[in-house]
Amino acid sequence: MLRLNVHGEVVTVAVDRVINAGYSGRDEDAVQAHIDELVADGIPAPETVPATYELSPNVLRVDPDAVRVAGTNTSGEAEFGLVVTGGETYVVAASDQTDRDLERDSIQKAKQIAPNVLSGDAWRLSDVRDHWDEIELRAWNTVDGERRRYQEATFEAIREPTDLLETVADRYEGPLDGTALLSGTVATVDGELAPGSRFEVAIHDPVTDRELSVAYDVETM
């Protein structure tokens, strides 16, 4: 059960399905740039674009101070998350922490073994839909004690929520209610994936000057 703070109102959502989208950019060149990053890291190119991976709901963590991972080669990915209920879809800041070593063998297993991190604060999608493409997505990664800008884009770079949700509805049985969907990410600023000790994601709405954010330390077991 997720508890989200929506402009001061606590909303609880029973999530029974988690889908991680991948290679979900609107710009084909940008998608290829992200695929090239992964291929350079030994990860095979996807068979379909966008790709989708179904995970167990137990991967979800809301506003954790830290996450514990099994290996030293995991890294976060800045994304928006969509949490679907019968009456509304909510937007959250999200990070898909992924095991890069395991990803070479199975992307789905690599995403299942590390958490999906969500912000506890959320917006109603209906409140921001009319200026969606203007919303800004940023991430910072702390590597060797240095906090670095890691990713930066607007939502115009990623497929629209309706498009992503229609893809899920086409590929999986059952209603969308109770689904948490992570959007897929954008290329890194310097073109390299980097494990770090802390990861931060911020979604800024320049029209309302509101922000969603989530940040967590990464601890290796």
N, C-alpha and C. Protein backbone atom coordinates (compact mmCIF):
# COMPACT_ATOMS: atom_id res chain seq x y z
N MET A 1 0.84 -1.20 0.00
CA MET A 1 0.00 0.00 0.00
C MET A 1 0.88 1.25 0.00
N LEU A 2 0.73 2.09 -1.00
CA LEU A 2 1.48 3.34 -1.06
C LEU A 2 0.69 4.45 -0.40
N ARG A 3 1.41 5.30 0.33
CA ARG A 3 0.81 6.50 0.92
C ARG A 3 1.46 7.71 0.25
N LEU A 4 0.66 8.49 -0.45
CA LEU A 4 1.15 9.65 -1.17
C LEU A 4 0.55 10.92 -0.60
N ASN A 5 1.36 11.96 -0.55
CA ASN A 5 0.90 13.27 -0.09
C ASN A 5 0.60 14.11 -1.33
N VAL A 6 -0.67 14.38 -1.58
CA VAL A 6 -1.10 15.12 -2.77
C VAL A 6 -1.61 16.48 -2.31
N HIS A 7 -0.72 17.47 -2.32
CA HIS A 7 -1.08 18.83 -1.89
C HIS A 7 -1.71 18.83 -0.50
N GLY A 8 -1.11 18.06 0.40
CA GLY A 8 -1.58 18.04 1.78
C GLY A 8 -2.61 16.97 2.08
N GLU A 9 -3.14 16.32 1.07
CA GLU A 9 -4.11 15.23 1.25
C GLU A 9 -3.38 13.90 1.14
N VAL A 10 -3.57 13.03 2.12
CA VAL A 10 -2.95 11.71 2.09
C VAL A 10 -3.83 10.76 1.28
N VAL A 11 -3.23 10.18 0.26
CA VAL A 11 -3.92 9.24 -0.62
C VAL A 11 -3.24 7.89 -0.49
N THR A 12 -4.01 6.84 -0.27
CA THR A 12 -3.44 5.49 -0.21
C THR A 12 -3.83 4.73 -1.46
N VAL A 13 -2.86 4.02 -2.00
CA VAL A 13 -3.08 3.28 -3.24
C VAL A 13 -2.56 1.85 -3.06
N ALA A 14 -3.42 0.88 -3.33
CA ALA A 14 -3.01 -0.52 -3.31
C ALA A 14 -2.41 -0.87 -4.67
N VAL A 15 -1.09 -1.04 -4.73
CA VAL A 15 -0.41 -1.34 -5.98
C VAL A 15 -0.23 -2.85 -6.10
N ASP A 16 -0.74 -3.41 -7.17
CA ASP A 16 -0.56 -4.85 -7.38
C ASP A 16 0.21 -5.17 -8.66
N ARG A 17 0.67 -4.12 -9.36
CA ARG A 17 1.49 -4.35 -10.55
C ARG A 17 2.47 -3.20 -10.72
N VAL A 18 3.71 -3.54 -10.98
CA VAL A 18 4.76 -2.54 -11.23
C VAL A 18 5.34 -2.81 -12.61
N ILE A 19 5.38 -1.76 -13.42
CA ILE A 19 5.96 -1.86 -14.76
C ILE A 19 7.05 -0.81 -14.89
N ASN A 20 8.21 -1.24 -15.32
CA ASN A 20 9.28 -0.30 -15.67
C ASN A 20 9.37 -0.21 -17.18
N ALA A 21 9.20 1.00 -17.71
CA ALA A 21 9.39 1.21 -19.14
C ALA A 21 10.85 1.51 -19.40
N GLY A 22 11.28 1.27 -20.62
CA GLY A 22 12.65 1.56 -21.01
C GLY A 22 12.72 1.95 -22.47
N TYR A 23 13.76 2.70 -22.81
CA TYR A 23 13.93 3.15 -24.19
C TYR A 23 12.67 3.88 -24.67
N SER A 24 12.21 4.80 -23.83
CA SER A 24 10.90 5.40 -24.02
C SER A 24 10.97 6.87 -24.44
N GLY A 25 12.08 7.28 -25.00
CA GLY A 25 12.19 8.65 -25.46
C GLY A 25 11.38 8.89 -26.73
N ARG A 26 10.97 10.14 -26.93
CA ARG A 26 10.26 10.50 -28.17
C ARG A 26 11.25 10.73 -29.32
N ASP A 27 12.44 11.20 -28.98
CA ASP A 27 13.46 11.47 -29.99
C ASP A 27 14.25 10.18 -30.26
N GLU A 28 14.18 9.70 -31.48
CA GLU A 28 14.83 8.43 -31.79
C GLU A 28 16.35 8.51 -31.58
N ASP A 29 16.94 9.67 -31.87
CA ASP A 29 18.39 9.82 -31.68
C ASP A 29 18.75 9.74 -30.20
N ALA A 30 17.91 10.35 -29.34
CA ALA A 30 18.16 10.31 -27.90
C ALA A 30 18.00 8.89 -27.35
N VAL A 31 17.00 8.17 -27.86
CA VAL A 31 16.82 6.78 -27.45
C VAL A 31 18.04 5.97 -27.84
N GLN A 32 18.52 6.19 -29.05
CA GLN A 32 19.69 5.45 -29.51
C GLN A 32 20.91 5.78 -28.65
N ALA A 33 21.01 7.05 -28.21
CA ALA A 33 22.14 7.44 -27.35
C ALA A 33 22.11 6.66 -26.05
N HIS A 34 20.90 6.48 -25.47
CA HIS A 34 20.80 5.71 -24.23
C HIS A 34 21.10 4.24 -24.48
N ILE A 35 20.61 3.70 -25.61
CA ILE A 35 20.92 2.31 -25.95
C ILE A 35 22.43 2.14 -26.12
N ASP A 36 23.07 3.12 -26.75
CA ASP A 36 24.52 3.04 -26.95
C ASP A 36 25.26 3.03 -25.62
N GLU A 37 24.76 3.82 -24.64
CA GLU A 37 25.37 3.80 -23.30
C GLU A 37 25.35 2.39 -22.73
N LEU A 38 24.19 1.75 -22.83
CA LEU A 38 24.03 0.43 -22.24
C LEU A 38 24.83 -0.62 -23.00
N VAL A 39 24.81 -0.54 -24.33
CA VAL A 39 25.57 -1.50 -25.13
C VAL A 39 27.06 -1.37 -24.82
N ALA A 40 27.53 -0.14 -24.64
CA ALA A 40 28.94 0.07 -24.28
C ALA A 40 29.26 -0.53 -22.93
N ASP A 41 28.24 -0.69 -22.10
CA ASP A 41 28.42 -1.29 -20.77
C ASP A 41 28.15 -2.79 -20.80
N GLY A 42 28.00 -3.35 -22.01
CA GLY A 42 27.82 -4.79 -22.13
C GLY A 42 26.39 -5.28 -22.05
N ILE A 43 25.41 -4.36 -22.17
CA ILE A 43 23.99 -4.71 -22.03
C ILE A 43 23.37 -4.79 -23.42
N PRO A 44 22.69 -5.88 -23.75
CA PRO A 44 22.16 -6.03 -25.11
C PRO A 44 21.08 -5.00 -25.43
N ALA A 45 20.97 -4.65 -26.71
CA ALA A 45 19.94 -3.72 -27.16
C ALA A 45 18.56 -4.37 -27.04
N PRO A 46 17.51 -3.58 -26.83
CA PRO A 46 16.17 -4.14 -26.67
C PRO A 46 15.62 -4.68 -27.99
N GLU A 47 14.68 -5.63 -27.86
CA GLU A 47 14.02 -6.17 -29.05
C GLU A 47 12.91 -5.25 -29.52
N THR A 48 12.24 -4.57 -28.58
CA THR A 48 11.16 -3.65 -28.92
C THR A 48 11.36 -2.33 -28.19
N VAL A 49 10.86 -1.25 -28.78
CA VAL A 49 10.95 0.08 -28.19
C VAL A 49 9.57 0.72 -28.24
N PRO A 50 9.00 1.17 -27.10
CA PRO A 50 9.62 1.07 -25.78
C PRO A 50 9.56 -0.35 -25.24
N ALA A 51 10.51 -0.67 -24.38
CA ALA A 51 10.50 -1.94 -23.68
C ALA A 51 9.71 -1.79 -22.39
N THR A 52 9.14 -2.88 -21.91
CA THR A 52 8.45 -2.87 -20.61
C THR A 52 8.86 -4.11 -19.83
N TYR A 53 9.00 -3.95 -18.53
CA TYR A 53 9.42 -5.04 -17.64
C TYR A 53 8.49 -5.07 -16.44
N GLU A 54 7.83 -6.20 -16.24
CA GLU A 54 6.93 -6.33 -15.09
C GLU A 54 7.71 -6.81 -13.88
N LEU A 55 7.52 -6.13 -12.74
CA LEU A 55 8.24 -6.44 -11.51
C LEU A 55 7.25 -6.70 -10.38
N SER A 56 7.74 -7.30 -9.32
CA SER A 56 6.93 -7.49 -8.12
C SER A 56 6.75 -6.16 -7.40
N PRO A 57 5.57 -5.90 -6.81
CA PRO A 57 5.36 -4.66 -6.07
C PRO A 57 6.31 -4.45 -4.90
N ASN A 58 6.97 -5.52 -4.45
CA ASN A 58 7.86 -5.34 -3.30
C ASN A 58 9.13 -4.57 -3.64
N VAL A 59 9.33 -4.22 -4.92
CA VAL A 59 10.49 -3.40 -5.28
C VAL A 59 10.28 -1.94 -4.92
N LEU A 60 9.05 -1.53 -4.63
CA LEU A 60 8.77 -0.11 -4.42
C LEU A 60 9.20 0.35 -3.04
N ARG A 61 9.88 1.48 -3.00
CA ARG A 61 10.24 2.14 -1.74
C ARG A 61 9.86 3.61 -1.86
N VAL A 62 9.18 4.13 -0.85
CA VAL A 62 8.73 5.52 -0.86
C VAL A 62 9.59 6.33 0.11
N ASP A 63 10.27 7.33 -0.43
CA ASP A 63 11.09 8.26 0.35
C ASP A 63 12.03 7.58 1.36
N PRO A 64 12.80 6.60 0.93
CA PRO A 64 13.74 5.99 1.88
C PRO A 64 14.94 6.91 2.10
N ASP A 65 15.50 6.85 3.30
CA ASP A 65 16.75 7.58 3.54
C ASP A 65 17.90 6.91 2.79
N ALA A 66 17.82 5.59 2.69
CA ALA A 66 18.88 4.83 2.03
C ALA A 66 18.29 3.54 1.47
N VAL A 67 18.96 2.99 0.45
CA VAL A 67 18.61 1.66 -0.06
C VAL A 67 19.86 0.80 0.05
N ARG A 68 19.66 -0.49 0.26
CA ARG A 68 20.77 -1.43 0.35
C ARG A 68 20.76 -2.31 -0.89
N VAL A 69 21.91 -2.44 -1.50
CA VAL A 69 22.02 -3.20 -2.74
C VAL A 69 23.10 -4.27 -2.57
N ALA A 70 23.03 -5.29 -3.47
CA ALA A 70 23.88 -6.46 -3.29
C ALA A 70 25.25 -6.33 -3.93
N GLY A 71 25.43 -5.38 -4.83
CA GLY A 71 26.71 -5.25 -5.51
C GLY A 71 27.14 -3.80 -5.61
N THR A 72 28.37 -3.60 -6.04
CA THR A 72 28.92 -2.24 -6.10
C THR A 72 28.57 -1.53 -7.41
N ASN A 73 28.04 -2.27 -8.39
CA ASN A 73 27.80 -1.68 -9.71
C ASN A 73 26.31 -1.49 -9.96
N THR A 74 25.66 -0.69 -9.10
CA THR A 74 24.27 -0.29 -9.33
C THR A 74 24.24 1.22 -9.51
N SER A 75 23.26 1.69 -10.27
CA SER A 75 23.12 3.14 -10.44
C SER A 75 21.66 3.50 -10.64
N GLY A 76 21.32 4.74 -10.27
CA GLY A 76 19.96 5.21 -10.38
C GLY A 76 19.66 5.76 -11.76
N GLU A 77 18.37 5.92 -12.04
CA GLU A 77 17.90 6.51 -13.28
C GLU A 77 16.75 7.46 -12.95
N ALA A 78 16.87 8.72 -13.33
CA ALA A 78 15.82 9.70 -13.07
C ALA A 78 14.64 9.46 -14.00
N GLU A 79 13.45 9.40 -13.43
CA GLU A 79 12.24 9.13 -14.19
C GLU A 79 11.05 9.82 -13.54
N PHE A 80 9.94 9.89 -14.26
CA PHE A 80 8.68 10.18 -13.59
C PHE A 80 7.96 8.87 -13.37
N GLY A 81 7.19 8.80 -12.30
CA GLY A 81 6.37 7.63 -12.03
C GLY A 81 4.91 8.00 -12.15
N LEU A 82 4.09 7.05 -12.58
CA LEU A 82 2.64 7.21 -12.65
C LEU A 82 2.02 6.13 -11.77
N VAL A 83 1.16 6.55 -10.85
CA VAL A 83 0.44 5.63 -9.98
C VAL A 83 -1.03 5.75 -10.32
N VAL A 84 -1.61 4.66 -10.82
CA VAL A 84 -2.95 4.70 -11.39
C VAL A 84 -3.98 4.15 -10.40
N THR A 85 -5.02 4.91 -10.17
CA THR A 85 -6.16 4.46 -9.38
C THR A 85 -7.41 4.56 -10.25
N GLY A 86 -8.55 4.14 -9.70
CA GLY A 86 -9.77 4.20 -10.47
C GLY A 86 -10.18 5.60 -10.86
N GLY A 87 -9.93 6.57 -9.99
CA GLY A 87 -10.40 7.91 -10.26
C GLY A 87 -9.34 8.90 -10.70
N GLU A 88 -8.06 8.56 -10.53
CA GLU A 88 -7.00 9.53 -10.81
C GLU A 88 -5.69 8.82 -11.08
N THR A 89 -4.83 9.51 -11.80
CA THR A 89 -3.45 9.06 -11.96
C THR A 89 -2.55 10.09 -11.31
N TYR A 90 -1.60 9.63 -10.50
CA TYR A 90 -0.72 10.52 -9.76
C TYR A 90 0.69 10.46 -10.33
N VAL A 91 1.37 11.60 -10.28
CA VAL A 91 2.73 11.73 -10.77
C VAL A 91 3.68 11.81 -9.59
N VAL A 92 4.76 11.07 -9.61
CA VAL A 92 5.78 11.11 -8.57
C VAL A 92 7.16 11.22 -9.21
N ALA A 93 8.13 11.72 -8.46
CA ALA A 93 9.53 11.62 -8.86
C ALA A 93 9.99 10.20 -8.57
N ALA A 94 10.83 9.65 -9.44
CA ALA A 94 11.19 8.25 -9.29
C ALA A 94 12.62 7.99 -9.74
N SER A 95 13.17 6.90 -9.20
CA SER A 95 14.47 6.40 -9.64
C SER A 95 14.40 4.89 -9.74
N ASP A 96 14.85 4.39 -10.86
CA ASP A 96 14.94 2.95 -11.10
C ASP A 96 16.39 2.54 -10.85
N GLN A 97 16.68 2.18 -9.60
CA GLN A 97 18.02 1.73 -9.25
C GLN A 97 18.24 0.35 -9.88
N THR A 98 19.31 0.20 -10.65
CA THR A 98 19.48 -1.01 -11.46
C THR A 98 20.87 -1.61 -11.26
N ASP A 99 20.91 -2.93 -11.16
CA ASP A 99 22.18 -3.66 -11.04
C ASP A 99 22.77 -3.82 -12.44
N ARG A 100 23.85 -3.09 -12.72
CA ARG A 100 24.41 -3.08 -14.07
C ARG A 100 25.12 -4.39 -14.43
N ASP A 101 25.64 -5.11 -13.45
CA ASP A 101 26.27 -6.40 -13.75
C ASP A 101 25.22 -7.42 -14.16
N LEU A 102 24.15 -7.52 -13.38
CA LEU A 102 23.09 -8.47 -13.69
C LEU A 102 22.36 -8.10 -14.96
N GLU A 103 22.33 -6.82 -15.28
CA GLU A 103 21.63 -6.34 -16.47
C GLU A 103 22.19 -6.94 -17.75
N ARG A 104 23.46 -7.32 -17.73
CA ARG A 104 24.06 -7.94 -18.91
C ARG A 104 23.41 -9.28 -19.24
N ASP A 105 22.86 -9.95 -18.22
CA ASP A 105 22.21 -11.24 -18.42
C ASP A 105 20.69 -11.11 -18.53
N SER A 106 20.10 -10.24 -17.69
CA SER A 106 18.65 -10.08 -17.69
C SER A 106 18.29 -8.70 -17.15
N ILE A 107 17.72 -7.85 -18.00
CA ILE A 107 17.33 -6.52 -17.54
C ILE A 107 16.23 -6.62 -16.50
N GLN A 108 15.28 -7.52 -16.70
CA GLN A 108 14.18 -7.66 -15.74
C GLN A 108 14.71 -8.07 -14.36
N LYS A 109 15.62 -9.02 -14.32
CA LYS A 109 16.18 -9.43 -13.02
C LYS A 109 17.00 -8.31 -12.40
N ALA A 110 17.70 -7.54 -13.23
CA ALA A 110 18.52 -6.44 -12.72
C ALA A 110 17.66 -5.37 -12.07
N LYS A 111 16.46 -5.17 -12.59
CA LYS A 111 15.56 -4.18 -12.02
C LYS A 111 14.82 -4.73 -10.81
N GLN A 112 14.57 -6.04 -10.81
CA GLN A 112 13.86 -6.65 -9.69
C GLN A 112 14.72 -6.71 -8.44
N ILE A 113 16.03 -6.88 -8.60
CA ILE A 113 16.89 -7.09 -7.44
C ILE A 113 17.22 -5.80 -6.70
N ALA A 114 17.04 -4.65 -7.36
CA ALA A 114 17.28 -3.35 -6.75
C ALA A 114 15.96 -2.58 -6.69
N PRO A 115 15.82 -1.61 -5.80
CA PRO A 115 14.51 -0.99 -5.59
C PRO A 115 14.13 0.04 -6.64
N ASN A 116 12.82 0.22 -6.79
CA ASN A 116 12.25 1.39 -7.45
C ASN A 116 11.91 2.39 -6.36
N VAL A 117 12.49 3.56 -6.42
CA VAL A 117 12.31 4.56 -5.37
C VAL A 117 11.35 5.64 -5.86
N LEU A 118 10.35 5.97 -5.04
CA LEU A 118 9.35 6.97 -5.39
C LEU A 118 9.32 8.08 -4.35
N SER A 119 8.98 9.28 -4.78
CA SER A 119 8.75 10.37 -3.83
C SER A 119 7.43 10.15 -3.11
N GLY A 120 7.36 10.57 -1.86
CA GLY A 120 6.12 10.49 -1.12
C GLY A 120 5.13 11.57 -1.52
N ASP A 121 5.64 12.68 -2.03
CA ASP A 121 4.78 13.74 -2.55
C ASP A 121 4.39 13.42 -3.98
N ALA A 122 3.18 13.81 -4.36
CA ALA A 122 2.67 13.51 -5.69
C ALA A 122 1.80 14.65 -6.20
N TRP A 123 1.65 14.69 -7.51
CA TRP A 123 0.71 15.60 -8.17
C TRP A 123 -0.36 14.78 -8.87
N ARG A 124 -1.53 15.38 -9.04
CA ARG A 124 -2.53 14.79 -9.93
C ARG A 124 -2.09 15.05 -11.37
N LEU A 125 -2.09 14.01 -12.17
CA LEU A 125 -1.73 14.19 -13.57
C LEU A 125 -2.64 15.22 -14.24
N SER A 126 -3.89 15.22 -13.88
CA SER A 126 -4.84 16.15 -14.50
C SER A 126 -4.49 17.61 -14.22
N ASP A 127 -3.76 17.87 -13.14
CA ASP A 127 -3.40 19.26 -12.79
C ASP A 127 -2.24 19.78 -13.63
N VAL A 128 -1.45 18.90 -14.23
CA VAL A 128 -0.25 19.33 -14.95
C VAL A 128 -0.26 18.89 -16.41
N ARG A 129 -1.32 18.24 -16.82
CA ARG A 129 -1.35 17.67 -18.16
C ARG A 129 -1.25 18.72 -19.26
N ASP A 130 -1.81 19.93 -19.02
CA ASP A 130 -1.85 20.93 -20.09
C ASP A 130 -0.50 21.59 -20.36
N HIS A 131 0.48 21.41 -19.46
CA HIS A 131 1.83 21.95 -19.70
C HIS A 131 2.89 20.88 -19.43
N TRP A 132 2.54 19.64 -19.67
CA TRP A 132 3.37 18.49 -19.34
C TRP A 132 4.79 18.60 -19.90
N ASP A 133 4.90 18.97 -21.16
CA ASP A 133 6.21 18.95 -21.82
C ASP A 133 7.18 19.96 -21.24
N GLU A 134 6.68 20.96 -20.51
CA GLU A 134 7.55 21.98 -19.92
C GLU A 134 8.19 21.55 -18.61
N ILE A 135 7.69 20.48 -18.01
CA ILE A 135 8.19 20.04 -16.70
C ILE A 135 9.61 19.51 -16.84
N GLU A 136 10.45 19.87 -15.88
CA GLU A 136 11.89 19.59 -15.95
C GLU A 136 12.27 18.41 -15.05
N LEU A 137 13.15 17.58 -15.56
CA LEU A 137 13.64 16.40 -14.85
C LEU A 137 15.15 16.52 -14.68
N ARG A 138 15.62 16.40 -13.44
CA ARG A 138 17.06 16.50 -13.18
C ARG A 138 17.47 15.42 -12.17
N ALA A 139 18.74 15.03 -12.26
CA ALA A 139 19.30 14.09 -11.29
C ALA A 139 20.72 14.49 -10.95
N TRP A 140 21.11 14.15 -9.73
CA TRP A 140 22.49 14.35 -9.26
C TRP A 140 22.98 13.03 -8.70
N ASN A 141 24.24 12.74 -8.94
CA ASN A 141 24.86 11.51 -8.49
C ASN A 141 26.12 11.87 -7.71
N THR A 142 26.26 11.32 -6.52
CA THR A 142 27.47 11.57 -5.72
C THR A 142 28.45 10.42 -5.93
N VAL A 143 29.59 10.75 -6.52
CA VAL A 143 30.62 9.75 -6.84
C VAL A 143 31.93 10.19 -6.20
N ASP A 144 32.51 9.31 -5.38
CA ASP A 144 33.77 9.62 -4.68
C ASP A 144 33.65 10.94 -3.90
N GLY A 145 32.49 11.14 -3.29
CA GLY A 145 32.27 12.32 -2.45
C GLY A 145 31.92 13.58 -3.21
N GLU A 146 31.87 13.53 -4.54
CA GLU A 146 31.57 14.71 -5.34
C GLU A 146 30.16 14.61 -5.92
N ARG A 147 29.33 15.61 -5.62
CA ARG A 147 27.96 15.65 -6.15
C ARG A 147 28.00 16.25 -7.56
N ARG A 148 27.50 15.46 -8.52
CA ARG A 148 27.59 15.87 -9.92
C ARG A 148 26.19 15.89 -10.55
N ARG A 149 25.96 16.85 -11.47
CA ARG A 149 24.76 16.79 -12.29
C ARG A 149 24.86 15.57 -13.18
N TYR A 150 23.83 14.73 -13.16
CA TYR A 150 23.91 13.43 -13.83
C TYR A 150 22.97 13.34 -15.03
N GLN A 151 21.77 13.89 -14.89
CA GLN A 151 20.81 13.87 -15.99
C GLN A 151 20.02 15.17 -15.98
N GLU A 152 19.59 15.60 -17.16
CA GLU A 152 18.81 16.83 -17.26
C GLU A 152 18.02 16.83 -18.57
N ALA A 153 16.72 17.03 -18.46
CA ALA A 153 15.86 17.05 -19.64
C ALA A 153 14.51 17.64 -19.23
N THR A 154 13.62 17.81 -20.19
CA THR A 154 12.22 18.09 -19.88
C THR A 154 11.41 16.86 -20.25
N PHE A 155 10.17 16.83 -19.81
CA PHE A 155 9.32 15.68 -20.10
C PHE A 155 9.05 15.54 -21.60
N GLU A 156 9.34 16.57 -22.37
CA GLU A 156 9.20 16.48 -23.82
C GLU A 156 10.09 15.38 -24.39
N ALA A 157 11.15 15.02 -23.64
CA ALA A 157 12.09 14.00 -24.12
C ALA A 157 11.56 12.58 -23.96
N ILE A 158 10.51 12.40 -23.14
CA ILE A 158 10.00 11.07 -22.81
C ILE A 158 8.59 10.92 -23.36
N ARG A 159 8.23 9.73 -23.75
CA ARG A 159 6.87 9.49 -24.25
C ARG A 159 5.83 9.97 -23.24
N GLU A 160 4.73 10.44 -23.76
CA GLU A 160 3.69 11.00 -22.92
C GLU A 160 3.03 9.92 -22.05
N PRO A 161 2.46 10.33 -20.90
CA PRO A 161 1.82 9.36 -20.01
C PRO A 161 0.77 8.50 -20.70
N THR A 162 -0.08 9.12 -21.53
CA THR A 162 -1.13 8.36 -22.21
C THR A 162 -0.52 7.28 -23.10
N ASP A 163 0.53 7.63 -23.80
CA ASP A 163 1.21 6.68 -24.68
C ASP A 163 1.76 5.50 -23.89
N LEU A 164 2.44 5.79 -22.78
CA LEU A 164 3.03 4.72 -21.97
C LEU A 164 1.95 3.83 -21.36
N LEU A 165 0.87 4.44 -20.86
CA LEU A 165 -0.19 3.65 -20.25
C LEU A 165 -0.92 2.80 -21.30
N GLU A 166 -1.08 3.32 -22.50
CA GLU A 166 -1.70 2.53 -23.57
C GLU A 166 -0.82 1.33 -23.93
N THR A 167 0.50 1.53 -23.92
CA THR A 167 1.41 0.43 -24.19
C THR A 167 1.26 -0.67 -23.15
N VAL A 168 1.17 -0.27 -21.87
CA VAL A 168 0.98 -1.26 -20.79
C VAL A 168 -0.35 -1.98 -20.96
N ALA A 169 -1.41 -1.23 -21.26
CA ALA A 169 -2.73 -1.85 -21.43
C ALA A 169 -2.74 -2.84 -22.58
N ASP A 170 -1.99 -2.56 -23.64
CA ASP A 170 -1.93 -3.46 -24.80
C ASP A 170 -1.15 -4.74 -24.50
N ARG A 171 -0.14 -4.63 -23.62
CA ARG A 171 0.76 -5.76 -23.42
C ARG A 171 0.42 -6.65 -22.23
N TYR A 172 -0.37 -6.13 -21.29
CA TYR A 172 -0.65 -6.89 -20.07
C TYR A 172 -2.15 -7.00 -19.85
N GLU A 173 -2.56 -8.10 -19.28
CA GLU A 173 -3.98 -8.33 -19.02
C GLU A 173 -4.43 -7.57 -17.78
N GLY A 174 -5.71 -7.30 -17.72
CA GLY A 174 -6.31 -6.69 -16.54
C GLY A 174 -6.33 -5.18 -16.62
N PRO A 175 -7.07 -4.54 -15.71
CA PRO A 175 -7.19 -3.08 -15.71
C PRO A 175 -5.90 -2.41 -15.26
N LEU A 176 -5.78 -1.11 -15.57
CA LEU A 176 -4.62 -0.34 -15.15
C LEU A 176 -4.67 0.06 -13.68
N ASP A 177 -5.86 0.03 -13.08
CA ASP A 177 -5.97 0.40 -11.67
C ASP A 177 -5.01 -0.42 -10.83
N GLY A 178 -4.29 0.25 -9.93
CA GLY A 178 -3.33 -0.44 -9.09
C GLY A 178 -1.98 -0.64 -9.73
N THR A 179 -1.75 0.05 -10.85
CA THR A 179 -0.46 -0.05 -11.54
C THR A 179 0.44 1.12 -11.17
N ALA A 180 1.69 0.82 -10.88
CA ALA A 180 2.73 1.84 -10.75
C ALA A 180 3.67 1.68 -11.94
N LEU A 181 3.81 2.74 -12.73
CA LEU A 181 4.60 2.70 -13.94
C LEU A 181 5.74 3.70 -13.84
N LEU A 182 6.97 3.24 -14.06
CA LEU A 182 8.11 4.14 -14.17
C LEU A 182 8.40 4.37 -15.64
N SER A 183 8.68 5.62 -15.98
CA SER A 183 8.62 6.09 -17.36
C SER A 183 9.75 5.64 -18.26
N GLY A 184 10.86 5.21 -17.70
CA GLY A 184 12.08 5.14 -18.49
C GLY A 184 12.82 6.45 -18.35
N THR A 185 14.07 6.44 -18.71
CA THR A 185 14.93 7.58 -18.39
C THR A 185 15.51 8.24 -19.63
N VAL A 186 16.41 9.19 -19.41
CA VAL A 186 17.09 9.91 -20.48
C VAL A 186 18.59 9.65 -20.36
N ALA A 187 19.33 9.99 -21.41
CA ALA A 187 20.78 9.80 -21.38
C ALA A 187 21.42 10.64 -20.29
N THR A 188 22.55 10.19 -19.80
CA THR A 188 23.27 10.96 -18.80
C THR A 188 23.97 12.16 -19.45
N VAL A 189 24.32 13.13 -18.62
CA VAL A 189 24.93 14.36 -19.11
C VAL A 189 26.23 14.08 -19.86
N ASP A 190 27.06 13.19 -19.30
CA ASP A 190 28.36 12.92 -19.91
C ASP A 190 28.40 11.62 -20.70
N GLY A 191 27.25 10.96 -20.84
CA GLY A 191 27.19 9.76 -21.66
C GLY A 191 27.70 8.50 -20.99
N GLU A 192 27.88 8.54 -19.66
CA GLU A 192 28.39 7.36 -18.97
C GLU A 192 27.52 7.03 -17.76
N LEU A 193 27.31 5.73 -17.53
CA LEU A 193 26.63 5.27 -16.33
C LEU A 193 27.63 5.19 -15.19
N ALA A 194 27.25 5.71 -14.03
CA ALA A 194 28.21 5.80 -12.93
C ALA A 194 27.55 5.37 -11.62
N PRO A 195 28.03 4.30 -10.98
CA PRO A 195 27.58 3.97 -9.63
C PRO A 195 27.97 5.09 -8.67
N GLY A 196 27.11 5.38 -7.72
CA GLY A 196 27.40 6.44 -6.77
C GLY A 196 26.93 6.07 -5.38
N SER A 197 27.28 6.89 -4.41
CA SER A 197 26.90 6.65 -3.03
C SER A 197 25.61 7.37 -2.64
N ARG A 198 25.13 8.28 -3.48
CA ARG A 198 23.87 8.99 -3.23
C ARG A 198 23.28 9.40 -4.57
N PHE A 199 21.94 9.29 -4.67
CA PHE A 199 21.25 9.65 -5.91
C PHE A 199 20.07 10.55 -5.57
N GLU A 200 19.90 11.59 -6.37
CA GLU A 200 18.84 12.57 -6.14
C GLU A 200 18.10 12.85 -7.44
N VAL A 201 16.79 12.91 -7.36
CA VAL A 201 15.94 13.21 -8.50
C VAL A 201 15.01 14.36 -8.14
N ALA A 202 14.87 15.32 -9.06
CA ALA A 202 13.94 16.43 -8.86
C ALA A 202 13.14 16.64 -10.13
N ILE A 203 11.84 16.83 -9.96
CA ILE A 203 10.92 17.20 -11.02
C ILE A 203 10.39 18.58 -10.70
N HIS A 204 10.65 19.54 -11.58
CA HIS A 204 10.25 20.92 -11.33
C HIS A 204 9.23 21.36 -12.37
N ASP A 205 8.14 21.92 -11.88
CA ASP A 205 7.10 22.47 -12.75
C ASP A 205 7.30 23.98 -12.83
N PRO A 206 7.80 24.50 -13.95
CA PRO A 206 8.09 25.92 -14.04
C PRO A 206 6.83 26.79 -14.11
N VAL A 207 5.70 26.20 -14.42
CA VAL A 207 4.46 26.97 -14.50
C VAL A 207 3.92 27.27 -13.11
N THR A 208 3.92 26.27 -12.24
CA THR A 208 3.42 26.45 -10.87
C THR A 208 4.53 26.68 -9.85
N ASP A 209 5.79 26.48 -10.29
CA ASP A 209 6.97 26.57 -9.42
C ASP A 209 6.88 25.59 -8.26
N ARG A 210 6.37 24.40 -8.55
CA ARG A 210 6.33 23.34 -7.55
C ARG A 210 7.34 22.26 -7.93
N GLU A 211 7.72 21.46 -6.94
CA GLU A 211 8.75 20.45 -7.18
C GLU A 211 8.41 19.17 -6.44
N LEU A 212 8.71 18.06 -7.09
CA LEU A 212 8.72 16.75 -6.48
C LEU A 212 10.15 16.27 -6.43
N SER A 213 10.56 15.65 -5.34
CA SER A 213 11.94 15.19 -5.26
C SER A 213 12.05 13.95 -4.39
N VAL A 214 13.10 13.19 -4.65
CA VAL A 214 13.43 12.04 -3.83
C VAL A 214 14.94 11.89 -3.85
N ALA A 215 15.52 11.55 -2.70
CA ALA A 215 16.97 11.41 -2.59
C ALA A 215 17.28 10.30 -1.58
N TYR A 216 18.33 9.54 -1.88
CA TYR A 216 18.64 8.42 -1.00
C TYR A 216 20.11 8.05 -1.11
N ASP A 217 20.67 7.54 -0.02
CA ASP A 217 22.01 6.99 -0.03
C ASP A 217 21.94 5.55 -0.56
N VAL A 218 23.04 5.13 -1.18
CA VAL A 218 23.14 3.76 -1.69
C VAL A 218 24.18 3.03 -0.86
N GLU A 219 23.73 2.00 -0.15
CA GLU A 219 24.61 1.23 0.72
C GLU A 219 24.80 -0.18 0.17
N THR A 220 26.06 -0.58 0.04
CA THR A 220 26.36 -1.91 -0.47
C THR A 220 26.45 -2.91 0.67
N MET A 221 25.72 -4.00 0.54
CA MET A 221 25.75 -5.03 1.59
C MET A 221 27.02 -5.86 1.51
